[in-house]
Amino acid sequence: MNSIVLGRAVHGIIEGDSIPPELTPYSIILYRRGRFLFDKLITEFKFEDVKQAISHSEHGRVIKAVLQMPGF
């Protein structure tokens, strides 16, 4: 079966293909409008739980592991 999809496009950013001076302000605008919920993409771990953060990342349990540094 053949199908045709018209008017659709897929755009993505892969490891450094972005232009930070353009992407960062745009991302902030989207976040403020409630359209880029990056805080839903991260899971925070205490620094001493670094091994758990690595394991969860390797096994796909988290999208982005973020370590909380002591004193911050």
PDB file of N, CA and C in Angstrom:
ATOM      1  N   MET A   1       0.843  -1.179   0.000  1.00  0.00           N
ATOM      2  CA  MET A   1       0.000   0.000   0.000  1.00  0.00           C
ATOM      3  C   MET A   1       0.888   1.242   0.000  1.00  0.00           C
ATOM      4  N   ASN A   2       0.669   2.125  -0.889  1.00  0.00           N
ATOM      5  CA  ASN A   2       1.404   3.379  -0.966  1.00  0.00           C
ATOM      6  C   ASN A   2       0.607   4.481  -0.282  1.00  0.00           C
ATOM      7  N   SER A   3       1.309   5.373   0.380  1.00  0.00           N
ATOM      8  CA  SER A   3       0.615   6.512   0.979  1.00  0.00           C
ATOM      9  C   SER A   3       1.450   7.756   0.755  1.00  0.00           C
ATOM     10  N   ILE A   4       0.767   8.866   0.699  1.00  0.00           N
ATOM     11  CA  ILE A   4       1.425  10.159   0.495  1.00  0.00           C
ATOM     12  C   ILE A   4       1.036  11.067   1.657  1.00  0.00           C
ATOM     13  N   VAL A   5       2.030  11.690   2.254  1.00  0.00           N
ATOM     14  CA  VAL A   5       1.780  12.640   3.324  1.00  0.00           C
ATOM     15  C   VAL A   5       2.227  14.002   2.825  1.00  0.00           C
ATOM     16  N   LEU A   6       1.324  14.930   2.807  1.00  0.00           N
ATOM     17  CA  LEU A   6       1.633  16.268   2.319  1.00  0.00           C
ATOM     18  C   LEU A   6       1.573  17.268   3.472  1.00  0.00           C
ATOM     19  N   GLY A   7       2.431  18.274   3.388  1.00  0.00           N
ATOM     20  CA  GLY A   7       2.374  19.353   4.368  1.00  0.00           C
ATOM     21  C   GLY A   7       2.951  19.016   5.726  1.00  0.00           C
ATOM     22  N   ARG A   8       3.749  18.002   5.817  1.00  0.00           N
ATOM     23  CA  ARG A   8       4.343  17.598   7.090  1.00  0.00           C
ATOM     24  C   ARG A   8       5.858  17.694   6.995  1.00  0.00           C
ATOM     25  N   ALA A   9       6.476  18.071   8.097  1.00  0.00           N
ATOM     26  CA  ALA A   9       7.941  18.142   8.146  1.00  0.00           C
ATOM     27  C   ALA A   9       8.406  17.758   9.539  1.00  0.00           C
ATOM     28  N   VAL A  10       9.565  17.160   9.604  1.00  0.00           N
ATOM     29  CA  VAL A  10      10.174  16.811  10.883  1.00  0.00           C
ATOM     30  C   VAL A  10      11.464  17.586  10.997  1.00  0.00           C
ATOM     31  N   HIS A  11      11.606  18.318  12.090  1.00  0.00           N
ATOM     32  CA  HIS A  11      12.816  19.088  12.338  1.00  0.00           C
ATOM     33  C   HIS A  11      13.384  18.640  13.673  1.00  0.00           C
ATOM     34  N   GLY A  12      14.679  18.564  13.760  1.00  0.00           N
ATOM     35  CA  GLY A  12      15.292  18.177  15.014  1.00  0.00           C
ATOM     36  C   GLY A  12      16.673  18.775  15.166  1.00  0.00           C
ATOM     37  N   ILE A  13      17.155  18.682  16.361  1.00  0.00           N
ATOM     38  CA  ILE A  13      18.504  19.154  16.668  1.00  0.00           C
ATOM     39  C   ILE A  13      19.280  17.957  17.191  1.00  0.00           C
ATOM     40  N   ILE A  14      20.393  17.691  16.563  1.00  0.00           N
ATOM     41  CA  ILE A  14      21.198  16.540  16.947  1.00  0.00           C
ATOM     42  C   ILE A  14      22.585  17.006  17.358  1.00  0.00           C
ATOM     43  N   GLU A  15      22.893  16.845  18.625  1.00  0.00           N
ATOM     44  CA  GLU A  15      24.229  17.063  19.175  1.00  0.00           C
ATOM     45  C   GLU A  15      24.992  18.220  18.540  1.00  0.00           C
ATOM     46  N   GLY A  16      24.587  19.413  18.825  1.00  0.00           N
ATOM     47  CA  GLY A  16      25.365  20.560  18.395  1.00  0.00           C
ATOM     48  C   GLY A  16      24.934  21.200  17.098  1.00  0.00           C
ATOM     49  N   ASP A  17      23.863  20.714  16.503  1.00  0.00           N
ATOM     50  CA  ASP A  17      23.387  21.337  15.271  1.00  0.00           C
ATOM     51  C   ASP A  17      22.642  22.642  15.528  1.00  0.00           C
ATOM     52  N   SER A  18      22.477  22.998  16.796  1.00  0.00           N
ATOM     53  CA  SER A  18      21.742  24.216  17.116  1.00  0.00           C
ATOM     54  C   SER A  18      22.662  25.429  17.054  1.00  0.00           C
ATOM     55  N   ILE A  19      22.055  26.582  17.006  1.00  0.00           N
ATOM     56  CA  ILE A  19      22.785  27.851  17.072  1.00  0.00           C
ATOM     57  C   ILE A  19      22.373  28.479  18.402  1.00  0.00           C
ATOM     58  N   PRO A  20      23.199  28.323  19.452  1.00  0.00           N
ATOM     59  CA  PRO A  20      22.806  28.748  20.797  1.00  0.00           C
ATOM     60  C   PRO A  20      22.255  30.169  20.906  1.00  0.00           C
ATOM     61  N   PRO A  21      22.831  31.172  20.223  1.00  0.00           N
ATOM     62  CA  PRO A  21      22.250  32.515  20.351  1.00  0.00           C
ATOM     63  C   PRO A  21      20.812  32.616  19.834  1.00  0.00           C
ATOM     64  N   GLU A  22      20.415  31.686  18.970  1.00  0.00           N
ATOM     65  CA  GLU A  22      19.043  31.660  18.483  1.00  0.00           C
ATOM     66  C   GLU A  22      18.177  30.708  19.299  1.00  0.00           C
ATOM     67  N   LEU A  23      18.719  29.524  19.591  1.00  0.00           N
ATOM     68  CA  LEU A  23      17.943  28.489  20.275  1.00  0.00           C
ATOM     69  C   LEU A  23      17.618  28.865  21.715  1.00  0.00           C
ATOM     70  N   THR A  24      18.559  29.424  22.442  1.00  0.00           N
ATOM     71  CA  THR A  24      18.340  29.721  23.857  1.00  0.00           C
ATOM     72  C   THR A  24      17.200  30.714  24.063  1.00  0.00           C
ATOM     73  N   PRO A  25      17.205  31.876  23.406  1.00  0.00           N
ATOM     74  CA  PRO A  25      16.070  32.796  23.597  1.00  0.00           C
ATOM     75  C   PRO A  25      14.735  32.188  23.155  1.00  0.00           C
ATOM     76  N   TYR A  26      14.755  31.428  22.060  1.00  0.00           N
ATOM     77  CA  TYR A  26      13.533  30.793  21.576  1.00  0.00           C
ATOM     78  C   TYR A  26      13.017  29.775  22.593  1.00  0.00           C
ATOM     79  N   SER A  27      13.929  28.994  23.187  1.00  0.00           N
ATOM     80  CA  SER A  27      13.542  28.012  24.200  1.00  0.00           C
ATOM     81  C   SER A  27      12.928  28.696  25.417  1.00  0.00           C
ATOM     82  N   ILE A  28      13.469  29.827  25.810  1.00  0.00           N
ATOM     83  CA  ILE A  28      12.936  30.581  26.949  1.00  0.00           C
ATOM     84  C   ILE A  28      11.523  31.088  26.637  1.00  0.00           C
ATOM     85  N   ILE A  29      11.332  31.591  25.438  1.00  0.00           N
ATOM     86  CA  ILE A  29      10.000  32.058  25.033  1.00  0.00           C
ATOM     87  C   ILE A  29       8.990  30.905  25.102  1.00  0.00           C
ATOM     88  N   LEU A  30       9.365  29.762  24.542  1.00  0.00           N
ATOM     89  CA  LEU A  30       8.467  28.603  24.584  1.00  0.00           C
ATOM     90  C   LEU A  30       8.175  28.175  26.015  1.00  0.00           C
ATOM     91  N   TYR A  31       9.201  28.172  26.865  1.00  0.00           N
ATOM     92  CA  TYR A  31       9.019  27.786  28.264  1.00  0.00           C
ATOM     93  C   TYR A  31       8.044  28.738  28.963  1.00  0.00           C
ATOM     94  N   ARG A  32       8.222  30.033  28.769  1.00  0.00           N
ATOM     95  CA  ARG A  32       7.338  31.024  29.395  1.00  0.00           C
ATOM     96  C   ARG A  32       5.898  30.897  28.915  1.00  0.00           C
ATOM     97  N   ARG A  33       5.716  30.410  27.701  1.00  0.00           N
ATOM     98  CA  ARG A  33       4.372  30.200  27.153  1.00  0.00           C
ATOM     99  C   ARG A  33       3.794  28.838  27.534  1.00  0.00           C
ATOM    100  N   GLY A  34       4.585  28.045  28.278  1.00  0.00           N
ATOM    101  CA  GLY A  34       4.122  26.727  28.692  1.00  0.00           C
ATOM    102  C   GLY A  34       4.193  25.679  27.610  1.00  0.00           C
ATOM    103  N   ARG A  35       5.028  25.919  26.581  1.00  0.00           N
ATOM    104  CA  ARG A  35       5.111  25.001  25.445  1.00  0.00           C
ATOM    105  C   ARG A  35       6.394  24.189  25.411  1.00  0.00           C
ATOM    106  N   PHE A  36       7.322  24.444  26.330  1.00  0.00           N
ATOM    107  CA  PHE A  36       8.573  23.683  26.407  1.00  0.00           C
ATOM    108  C   PHE A  36       8.835  23.399  27.880  1.00  0.00           C
ATOM    109  N   LEU A  37       8.345  22.273  28.340  1.00  0.00           N
ATOM    110  CA  LEU A  37       8.416  21.938  29.756  1.00  0.00           C
ATOM    111  C   LEU A  37       9.684  21.141  30.054  1.00  0.00           C
ATOM    112  N   PHE A  38      10.828  21.802  29.899  1.00  0.00           N
ATOM    113  CA  PHE A  38      12.096  21.095  30.077  1.00  0.00           C
ATOM    114  C   PHE A  38      12.243  20.523  31.478  1.00  0.00           C
ATOM    115  N   ASP A  39      11.588  21.132  32.464  1.00  0.00           N
ATOM    116  CA  ASP A  39      11.694  20.618  33.827  1.00  0.00           C
ATOM    117  C   ASP A  39      11.043  19.239  33.956  1.00  0.00           C
ATOM    118  N   LYS A  40      10.184  18.869  33.022  1.00  0.00           N
ATOM    119  CA  LYS A  40       9.604  17.526  33.017  1.00  0.00           C
ATOM    120  C   LYS A  40      10.573  16.504  32.415  1.00  0.00           C
ATOM    121  N   LEU A  41      11.606  16.970  31.738  1.00  0.00           N
ATOM    122  CA  LEU A  41      12.562  16.080  31.083  1.00  0.00           C
ATOM    123  C   LEU A  41      13.716  15.686  31.992  1.00  0.00           C
ATOM    124  N   ILE A  42      13.891  16.406  33.103  1.00  0.00           N
ATOM    125  CA  ILE A  42      15.039  16.148  33.963  1.00  0.00           C
ATOM    126  C   ILE A  42      14.619  15.447  35.249  1.00  0.00           C
ATOM    127  N   THR A  43      15.538  14.682  35.792  1.00  0.00           N
ATOM    128  CA  THR A  43      15.387  14.069  37.107  1.00  0.00           C
ATOM    129  C   THR A  43      16.631  14.437  37.889  1.00  0.00           C
ATOM    130  N   GLU A  44      16.441  15.039  39.054  1.00  0.00           N
ATOM    131  CA  GLU A  44      17.569  15.488  39.860  1.00  0.00           C
ATOM    132  C   GLU A  44      18.003  14.397  40.838  1.00  0.00           C
ATOM    133  N   PHE A  45      19.309  14.279  40.992  1.00  0.00           N
ATOM    134  CA  PHE A  45      19.912  13.337  41.928  1.00  0.00           C
ATOM    135  C   PHE A  45      20.914  14.089  42.793  1.00  0.00           C
ATOM    136  N   LYS A  46      21.005  13.705  44.066  1.00  0.00           N
ATOM    137  CA  LYS A  46      22.061  14.255  44.914  1.00  0.00           C
ATOM    138  C   LYS A  46      23.396  13.751  44.379  1.00  0.00           C
ATOM    139  N   PHE A  47      24.437  14.553  44.563  1.00  0.00           N
ATOM    140  CA  PHE A  47      25.751  14.198  44.020  1.00  0.00           C
ATOM    141  C   PHE A  47      26.213  12.818  44.494  1.00  0.00           C
ATOM    142  N   GLU A  48      25.927  12.498  45.759  1.00  0.00           N
ATOM    143  CA  GLU A  48      26.378  11.197  46.281  1.00  0.00           C
ATOM    144  C   GLU A  48      25.625  10.026  45.639  1.00  0.00           C
ATOM    145  N   ASP A  49      24.545  10.305  44.925  1.00  0.00           N
ATOM    146  CA  ASP A  49      23.796   9.258  44.226  1.00  0.00           C
ATOM    147  C   ASP A  49      24.173   9.168  42.746  1.00  0.00           C
ATOM    148  N   VAL A  50      25.396   9.568  42.428  1.00  0.00           N
ATOM    149  CA  VAL A  50      25.847   9.612  41.040  1.00  0.00           C
ATOM    150  C   VAL A  50      25.749   8.244  40.362  1.00  0.00           C
ATOM    151  N   LYS A  51      26.043   7.171  41.089  1.00  0.00           N
ATOM    152  CA  LYS A  51      25.967   5.830  40.488  1.00  0.00           C
ATOM    153  C   LYS A  51      24.529   5.477  40.123  1.00  0.00           C
ATOM    154  N   GLN A  52      23.584   5.878  40.952  1.00  0.00           N
ATOM    155  CA  GLN A  52      22.176   5.640  40.636  1.00  0.00           C
ATOM    156  C   GLN A  52      21.760   6.461  39.413  1.00  0.00           C
ATOM    157  N   ALA A  53      22.232   7.699  39.331  1.00  0.00           N
ATOM    158  CA  ALA A  53      21.909   8.549  38.185  1.00  0.00           C
ATOM    159  C   ALA A  53      22.432   7.926  36.891  1.00  0.00           C
ATOM    160  N   ILE A  54      23.654   7.416  36.942  1.00  0.00           N
ATOM    161  CA  ILE A  54      24.239   6.770  35.759  1.00  0.00           C
ATOM    162  C   ILE A  54      23.435   5.536  35.370  1.00  0.00           C
ATOM    163  N   SER A  55      23.104   4.715  36.355  1.00  0.00           N
ATOM    164  CA  SER A  55      22.337   3.500  36.089  1.00  0.00           C
ATOM    165  C   SER A  55      20.977   3.826  35.479  1.00  0.00           C
ATOM    166  N   HIS A  56      20.291   4.804  36.055  1.00  0.00           N
ATOM    167  CA  HIS A  56      18.977   5.179  35.524  1.00  0.00           C
ATOM    168  C   HIS A  56      19.090   5.705  34.097  1.00  0.00           C
ATOM    169  N   SER A  57      20.146   6.441  33.804  1.00  0.00           N
ATOM    170  CA  SER A  57      20.363   6.937  32.443  1.00  0.00           C
ATOM    171  C   SER A  57      20.624   5.790  31.477  1.00  0.00           C
ATOM    172  N   GLU A  58      21.495   4.882  31.880  1.00  0.00           N
ATOM    173  CA  GLU A  58      21.860   3.765  31.006  1.00  0.00           C
ATOM    174  C   GLU A  58      20.686   2.835  30.721  1.00  0.00           C
ATOM    175  N   HIS A  59      19.760   2.730  31.663  1.00  0.00           N
ATOM    176  CA  HIS A  59      18.632   1.817  31.503  1.00  0.00           C
ATOM    177  C   HIS A  59      17.349   2.522  31.046  1.00  0.00           C
ATOM    178  N   GLY A  60      17.454   3.790  30.681  1.00  0.00           N
ATOM    179  CA  GLY A  60      16.311   4.505  30.143  1.00  0.00           C
ATOM    180  C   GLY A  60      15.235   4.852  31.151  1.00  0.00           C
ATOM    181  N   ARG A  61      15.586   4.879  32.431  1.00  0.00           N
ATOM    182  CA  ARG A  61      14.602   5.225  33.464  1.00  0.00           C
ATOM    183  C   ARG A  61      14.399   6.730  33.582  1.00  0.00           C
ATOM    184  N   VAL A  62      15.362   7.487  33.098  1.00  0.00           N
ATOM    185  CA  VAL A  62      15.256   8.947  33.101  1.00  0.00           C
ATOM    186  C   VAL A  62      15.642   9.457  31.725  1.00  0.00           C
ATOM    187  N   ILE A  63      15.162  10.653  31.394  1.00  0.00           N
ATOM    188  CA  ILE A  63      15.538  11.266  30.121  1.00  0.00           C
ATOM    189  C   ILE A  63      16.858  12.000  30.277  1.00  0.00           C
ATOM    190  N   LYS A  64      16.948  12.821  31.332  1.00  0.00           N
ATOM    191  CA  LYS A  64      18.175  13.583  31.583  1.00  0.00           C
ATOM    192  C   LYS A  64      18.416  13.611  33.085  1.00  0.00           C
ATOM    193  N   ALA A  65      19.498  12.981  33.514  1.00  0.00           N
ATOM    194  CA  ALA A  65      19.862  12.993  34.930  1.00  0.00           C
ATOM    195  C   ALA A  65      20.677  14.255  35.216  1.00  0.00           C
ATOM    196  N   VAL A  66      20.303  14.961  36.273  1.00  0.00           N
ATOM    197  CA  VAL A  66      20.992  16.179  36.681  1.00  0.00           C
ATOM    198  C   VAL A  66      21.472  15.995  38.106  1.00  0.00           C
ATOM    199  N   LEU A  67      22.784  16.197  38.316  1.00  0.00           N
ATOM    200  CA  LEU A  67      23.358  16.055  39.665  1.00  0.00           C
ATOM    201  C   LEU A  67      23.296  17.380  40.404  1.00  0.00           C
ATOM    202  N   GLN A  68      22.848  17.321  41.654  1.00  0.00           N
ATOM    203  CA  GLN A  68      22.841  18.499  42.515  1.00  0.00           C
ATOM    204  C   GLN A  68      24.200  18.560  43.206  1.00  0.00           C
ATOM    205  N   MET A  69      24.953  19.586  42.923  1.00  0.00           N
ATOM    206  CA  MET A  69      26.280  19.737  43.510  1.00  0.00           C
ATOM    207  C   MET A  69      26.157  20.243  44.941  1.00  0.00           C
ATOM    208  N   PRO A  70      26.981  19.714  45.851  1.00  0.00           N
ATOM    209  CA  PRO A  70      26.932  20.176  47.239  1.00  0.00           C
ATOM    210  C   PRO A  70      27.214  21.678  47.330  1.00  0.00           C
ATOM    211  N   GLY A  71      26.449  22.364  48.167  1.00  0.00           N
ATOM    212  CA  GLY A  71      26.667  23.781  48.377  1.00  0.00           C
ATOM    213  C   GLY A  71      25.963  24.698  47.390  1.00  0.00           C
ATOM    214  N   PHE A  72      25.185  24.123  46.461  1.00  0.00           N
ATOM    215  CA  PHE A  72      24.487  24.967  45.489  1.00  0.00           C
ATOM    216  C   PHE A  72      22.999  24.876  45.669  1.00  0.00           C
TER     217      PHE A  72
END
